[in-house]
Amino acid sequence: MFRQSKQAIPREYSLAGKSIICPHCQSAQFIASKAQLNTALATLIELDFLNESATILTCTSCGQIQWFGVTPTTEA
């Protein structure tokens, strides 16, 4: 499942004190969204809502997608 953020505004993000840069094109502008990390067992017994979610940053320049288990912070 993929959910685009209500604030689909390109932003710069950081994590663990480092700026996040696209590994493909070196851009620093991303659109953030969330995705549910489904497991087969939870899906089998219709408990998908219990699964964890991840933060996804999509590069606005080339479309490269990066997944994060910890939510990156927005740079000012």
C-alpha atoms as a PDB file:
ATOM      1  CA  MET A   1       0.000   0.000   0.000  1.00  0.00           C
ATOM      2  CA  PHE A   2       1.328   3.428  -0.944  1.00  0.00           C
ATOM      3  CA  ARG A   3       0.107   6.720   0.546  1.00  0.00           C
ATOM      4  CA  GLN A   4       1.329  10.047  -0.732  1.00  0.00           C
ATOM      5  CA  SER A   5       1.860  12.694   1.901  1.00  0.00           C
ATOM      6  CA  LYS A   6      -0.797  15.375   2.294  1.00  0.00           C
ATOM      7  CA  GLN A   7       2.057  17.853   1.894  1.00  0.00           C
ATOM      8  CA  ALA A   8       3.392  16.791  -1.504  1.00  0.00           C
ATOM      9  CA  ILE A   9       5.851  19.687  -1.524  1.00  0.00           C
ATOM     10  CA  PRO A  10       9.481  19.013  -2.484  1.00  0.00           C
ATOM     11  CA  ARG A  11      11.700  19.366   0.574  1.00  0.00           C
ATOM     12  CA  GLU A  12      15.203  18.601   1.807  1.00  0.00           C
ATOM     13  CA  TYR A  13      15.566  15.909   4.480  1.00  0.00           C
ATOM     14  CA  SER A  14      18.215  14.688   6.884  1.00  0.00           C
ATOM     15  CA  LEU A  15      18.750  11.637   9.058  1.00  0.00           C
ATOM     16  CA  ALA A  16      21.338  10.985  11.772  1.00  0.00           C
ATOM     17  CA  GLY A  17      22.822  14.443  11.226  1.00  0.00           C
ATOM     18  CA  LYS A  18      23.430  13.985   7.481  1.00  0.00           C
ATOM     19  CA  SER A  19      21.575  15.477   4.524  1.00  0.00           C
ATOM     20  CA  ILE A  20      19.835  12.938   2.324  1.00  0.00           C
ATOM     21  CA  ILE A  21      21.054  13.109  -1.253  1.00  0.00           C
ATOM     22  CA  CYS A  22      19.777  11.081  -4.204  1.00  0.00           C
ATOM     23  CA  PRO A  23      22.395   8.412  -5.005  1.00  0.00           C
ATOM     24  CA  HIS A  24      21.505   8.566  -8.700  1.00  0.00           C
ATOM     25  CA  CYS A  25      21.413  12.286  -9.588  1.00  0.00           C
ATOM     26  CA  GLN A  26      22.724  13.983  -6.395  1.00  0.00           C
ATOM     27  CA  SER A  27      19.540  16.074  -5.970  1.00  0.00           C
ATOM     28  CA  ALA A  28      18.426  16.978  -2.441  1.00  0.00           C
ATOM     29  CA  GLN A  29      14.720  17.601  -3.176  1.00  0.00           C
ATOM     30  CA  PHE A  30      12.267  14.824  -2.260  1.00  0.00           C
ATOM     31  CA  ILE A  31       8.551  14.185  -1.871  1.00  0.00           C
ATOM     32  CA  ALA A  32       7.780  12.150   1.273  1.00  0.00           C
ATOM     33  CA  SER A  33       5.156   9.430   1.606  1.00  0.00           C
ATOM     34  CA  LYS A  34       4.445   6.338   3.713  1.00  0.00           C
ATOM     35  CA  ALA A  35       4.144   2.663   2.729  1.00  0.00           C
ATOM     36  CA  GLN A  36       2.888  -0.264   4.741  1.00  0.00           C
ATOM     37  CA  LEU A  37       5.310  -3.168   5.137  1.00  0.00           C
ATOM     38  CA  ASN A  38       3.000  -6.161   4.681  1.00  0.00           C
ATOM     39  CA  THR A  39       3.775  -9.621   6.007  1.00  0.00           C
ATOM     40  CA  ALA A  40       2.282 -12.812   4.598  1.00  0.00           C
ATOM     41  CA  LEU A  41       0.859 -13.965   7.936  1.00  0.00           C
ATOM     42  CA  ALA A  42      -0.890 -10.680   8.714  1.00  0.00           C
ATOM     43  CA  THR A  43      -2.320 -10.577   5.194  1.00  0.00           C
ATOM     44  CA  LEU A  44      -3.503 -14.188   5.464  1.00  0.00           C
ATOM     45  CA  ILE A  45      -5.521 -13.470   8.601  1.00  0.00           C
ATOM     46  CA  GLU A  46      -6.558  -9.974   7.416  1.00  0.00           C
ATOM     47  CA  LEU A  47      -4.563  -8.045  10.025  1.00  0.00           C
ATOM     48  CA  ASP A  48      -2.514  -5.879   7.655  1.00  0.00           C
ATOM     49  CA  PHE A  49      -3.184  -2.813   9.799  1.00  0.00           C
ATOM     50  CA  LEU A  50      -0.861  -4.294  12.464  1.00  0.00           C
ATOM     51  CA  ASN A  51       2.165  -4.170  10.147  1.00  0.00           C
ATOM     52  CA  GLU A  52       4.848  -1.491  10.434  1.00  0.00           C
ATOM     53  CA  SER A  53       5.166   1.324   7.894  1.00  0.00           C
ATOM     54  CA  ALA A  54       8.183   2.950   6.255  1.00  0.00           C
ATOM     55  CA  THR A  55       8.901   6.463   5.031  1.00  0.00           C
ATOM     56  CA  ILE A  56       9.574   6.771   1.315  1.00  0.00           C
ATOM     57  CA  LEU A  57      11.435   9.696  -0.233  1.00  0.00           C
ATOM     58  CA  THR A  58      11.017  10.102  -3.992  1.00  0.00           C
ATOM     59  CA  CYS A  59      13.569  12.301  -5.774  1.00  0.00           C
ATOM     60  CA  THR A  60      11.859  15.133  -7.639  1.00  0.00           C
ATOM     61  CA  SER A  61      14.605  15.195 -10.263  1.00  0.00           C
ATOM     62  CA  CYS A  62      14.961  11.566 -11.385  1.00  0.00           C
ATOM     63  CA  GLY A  63      12.283   9.620  -9.485  1.00  0.00           C
ATOM     64  CA  GLN A  64      14.703   7.423  -7.499  1.00  0.00           C
ATOM     65  CA  ILE A  65      12.911   6.019  -4.431  1.00  0.00           C
ATOM     66  CA  GLN A  66      14.602   5.566  -1.051  1.00  0.00           C
ATOM     67  CA  TRP A  67      13.000   3.658   1.849  1.00  0.00           C
ATOM     68  CA  PHE A  68      13.590   4.520   5.527  1.00  0.00           C
ATOM     69  CA  GLY A  69      12.585   2.609   8.657  1.00  0.00           C
ATOM     70  CA  VAL A  70      13.092   5.795  10.679  1.00  0.00           C
ATOM     71  CA  THR A  71      11.338   8.998   9.615  1.00  0.00           C
ATOM     72  CA  PRO A  72      13.838  11.565   8.276  1.00  0.00           C
ATOM     73  CA  THR A  73      13.522  15.160   9.486  1.00  0.00           C
ATOM     74  CA  THR A  74      12.790  18.135   7.247  1.00  0.00           C
ATOM     75  CA  GLU A  75      15.626  20.615   6.900  1.00  0.00           C
ATOM     76  CA  ALA A  76      14.743  24.263   7.430  1.00  0.00           C
END
